[in-house]
C-alpha atoms as a PDB file:
ATOM      1  CA  MET A   1       0.194   0.330  -0.339  1.00  0.00           C
ATOM      2  CA  ALA A   2       2.779   2.080   1.139  1.00  0.00           C
ATOM      3  CA  TYR A   3       4.673   1.592  -2.129  1.00  0.00           C
ATOM      4  CA  GLN A   4       1.458   2.661  -4.168  1.00  0.00           C
ATOM      5  CA  ILE A   5       0.729   5.823  -2.855  1.00  0.00           C
ATOM      6  CA  ALA A   6       4.168   6.872  -3.007  1.00  0.00           C
ATOM      7  CA  LYS A   7       4.288   5.671  -7.084  1.00  0.00           C
ATOM      8  CA  ASP A   8       0.896   7.891  -7.331  1.00  0.00           C
ATOM      9  CA  ILE A   9       2.331  10.887  -5.521  1.00  0.00           C
ATOM     10  CA  GLY A  10       5.298  11.006  -8.055  1.00  0.00           C
ATOM     11  CA  ALA A  11       2.621  10.942 -10.795  1.00  0.00           C
ATOM     12  CA  MET A  12       1.457  13.686  -9.077  1.00  0.00           C
ATOM     13  CA  CYS A  13       4.595  15.746  -9.036  1.00  0.00           C
ATOM     14  CA  VAL A  14       4.752  14.784 -12.680  1.00  0.00           C
ATOM     15  CA  VAL A  15       1.495  16.055 -13.576  1.00  0.00           C
ATOM     16  CA  LEU A  16       2.100  19.458 -11.742  1.00  0.00           C
ATOM     17  CA  GLN A  17       5.674  19.807 -13.311  1.00  0.00           C
ATOM     18  CA  GLY A  18       7.766  19.579 -10.648  1.00  0.00           C
ATOM     19  CA  ALA A  19       5.809  22.851  -9.038  1.00  0.00           C
ATOM     20  CA  ILE A  20       4.743  21.287  -4.814  1.00  0.00           C
ATOM     21  CA  ASP A  21       5.619  22.933  -1.894  1.00  0.00           C
ATOM     22  CA  GLY A  22       4.355  20.387  -0.049  1.00  0.00           C
ATOM     23  CA  ILE A  23       3.278  16.232  -0.051  1.00  0.00           C
ATOM     24  CA  ILE A  24       0.118  15.789   3.113  1.00  0.00           C
ATOM     25  CA  LEU A  25      -0.104  12.725   4.462  1.00  0.00           C
ATOM     26  CA  THR A  26      -4.047  12.734   6.387  1.00  0.00           C
ATOM     27  CA  GLY A  27      -6.831  10.311   6.743  1.00  0.00           C
ATOM     28  CA  GLY A  28      -6.890   7.683   9.462  1.00  0.00           C
ATOM     29  CA  LEU A  29      -3.903   5.822   7.912  1.00  0.00           C
ATOM     30  CA  ALA A  30      -1.674   8.874   8.347  1.00  0.00           C
ATOM     31  CA  HIS A  31      -2.000   7.591  11.956  1.00  0.00           C
ATOM     32  CA  SER A  32       0.341   5.047  11.322  1.00  0.00           C
ATOM     33  CA  GLU A  33       4.160   6.226  11.817  1.00  0.00           C
ATOM     34  CA  MET A  34       5.601   3.019  10.197  1.00  0.00           C
ATOM     35  CA  LEU A  35       3.487   3.812   6.913  1.00  0.00           C
ATOM     36  CA  THR A  36       4.230   7.406   7.187  1.00  0.00           C
ATOM     37  CA  ASP A  37       7.687   7.031   7.754  1.00  0.00           C
ATOM     38  CA  TRP A  38       8.349   4.495   4.936  1.00  0.00           C
ATOM     39  CA  ILE A  39       6.055   7.316   2.153  1.00  0.00           C
ATOM     40  CA  ARG A  40       8.023  10.067   4.107  1.00  0.00           C
ATOM     41  CA  GLU A  41      11.574   7.907   2.720  1.00  0.00           C
ATOM     42  CA  LYS A  42      10.837   7.296  -0.510  1.00  0.00           C
ATOM     43  CA  VAL A  43       8.949  10.857  -1.534  1.00  0.00           C
ATOM     44  CA  GLY A  44      10.193  13.323   0.667  1.00  0.00           C
ATOM     45  CA  PHE A  45      13.265  14.494  -1.738  1.00  0.00           C
ATOM     46  CA  LEU A  46      10.002  16.132  -4.145  1.00  0.00           C
ATOM     47  CA  ALA A  47       9.190  17.961  -1.020  1.00  0.00           C
ATOM     48  CA  PRO A  48       9.217  18.549   2.662  1.00  0.00           C
ATOM     49  CA  VAL A  49       6.265  15.842   3.553  1.00  0.00           C
ATOM     50  CA  PHE A  50       3.618  16.818   6.445  1.00  0.00           C
ATOM     51  CA  VAL A  51       1.702  14.713   8.045  1.00  0.00           C
ATOM     52  CA  TYR A  52      -1.989  15.532   9.718  1.00  0.00           C
ATOM     53  CA  PRO A  53      -3.576  12.214  11.371  1.00  0.00           C
ATOM     54  CA  GLY A  54      -7.223  12.161  11.521  1.00  0.00           C
ATOM     55  CA  GLU A  55     -10.432  12.080   9.670  1.00  0.00           C
ATOM     56  CA  ASP A  56     -12.454  15.523   9.075  1.00  0.00           C
ATOM     57  CA  GLU A  57     -15.384  14.853   6.668  1.00  0.00           C
ATOM     58  CA  MET A  58     -17.933  14.422   8.975  1.00  0.00           C
ATOM     59  CA  ALA A  59     -17.081  17.732  10.556  1.00  0.00           C
ATOM     60  CA  ALA A  60     -16.833  19.438   6.907  1.00  0.00           C
ATOM     61  CA  LEU A  61     -20.056  18.175   5.940  1.00  0.00           C
ATOM     62  CA  ALA A  62     -21.703  19.585   8.965  1.00  0.00           C
ATOM     63  CA  GLU A  63     -20.154  22.575   8.680  1.00  0.00           C
ATOM     64  CA  GLY A  64     -21.468  22.546   4.876  1.00  0.00           C
ATOM     65  CA  GLY A  65     -24.964  21.962   6.233  1.00  0.00           C
ATOM     66  CA  LEU A  66     -25.020  24.859   8.178  1.00  0.00           C
ATOM     67  CA  ARG A  67     -23.820  27.082   5.856  1.00  0.00           C
ATOM     68  CA  VAL A  68     -26.852  26.075   3.474  1.00  0.00           C
ATOM     69  CA  ILE A  69     -29.273  26.425   6.372  1.00  0.00           C
ATOM     70  CA  LEU A  70     -28.126  29.557   7.552  1.00  0.00           C
ATOM     71  CA  LYS A  71     -28.274  30.993   3.849  1.00  0.00           C
ATOM     72  CA  GLU A  72     -24.352  31.348   3.361  1.00  0.00           C
ATOM     73  CA  GLU A  73     -24.604  28.956   0.339  1.00  0.00           C
ATOM     74  CA  GLU A  74     -26.767  27.142  -1.922  1.00  0.00           C
ATOM     75  CA  VAL A  75     -27.867  23.923  -2.147  1.00  0.00           C
ATOM     76  CA  LYS A  76     -25.620  22.618  -5.014  1.00  0.00           C
ATOM     77  CA  SER A  77     -27.144  19.521  -7.265  1.00  0.00           C
ATOM     78  CA  TYR A  78     -24.804  17.116  -9.009  1.00  0.00           C
ATOM     79  CA  LEU A  79     -27.431  15.004 -10.730  1.00  0.00           C
END
């Protein structure tokens, strides 16, 4: 898994023509120091690697819903 993540980070670096300021690892798997250390070892030469473990998706969804309720944002339809 770590090998595939490192390959995908490298692929995105090519797409961005090397113009990257940093690499951010997040989500539940970022709690694994073994995984993040291995990824950092493989891609750290491309840019600084920052690790922010945790899942904030539910909070982001709730905040988006609140913005709609408060009429700060319109509901978007993706149908």
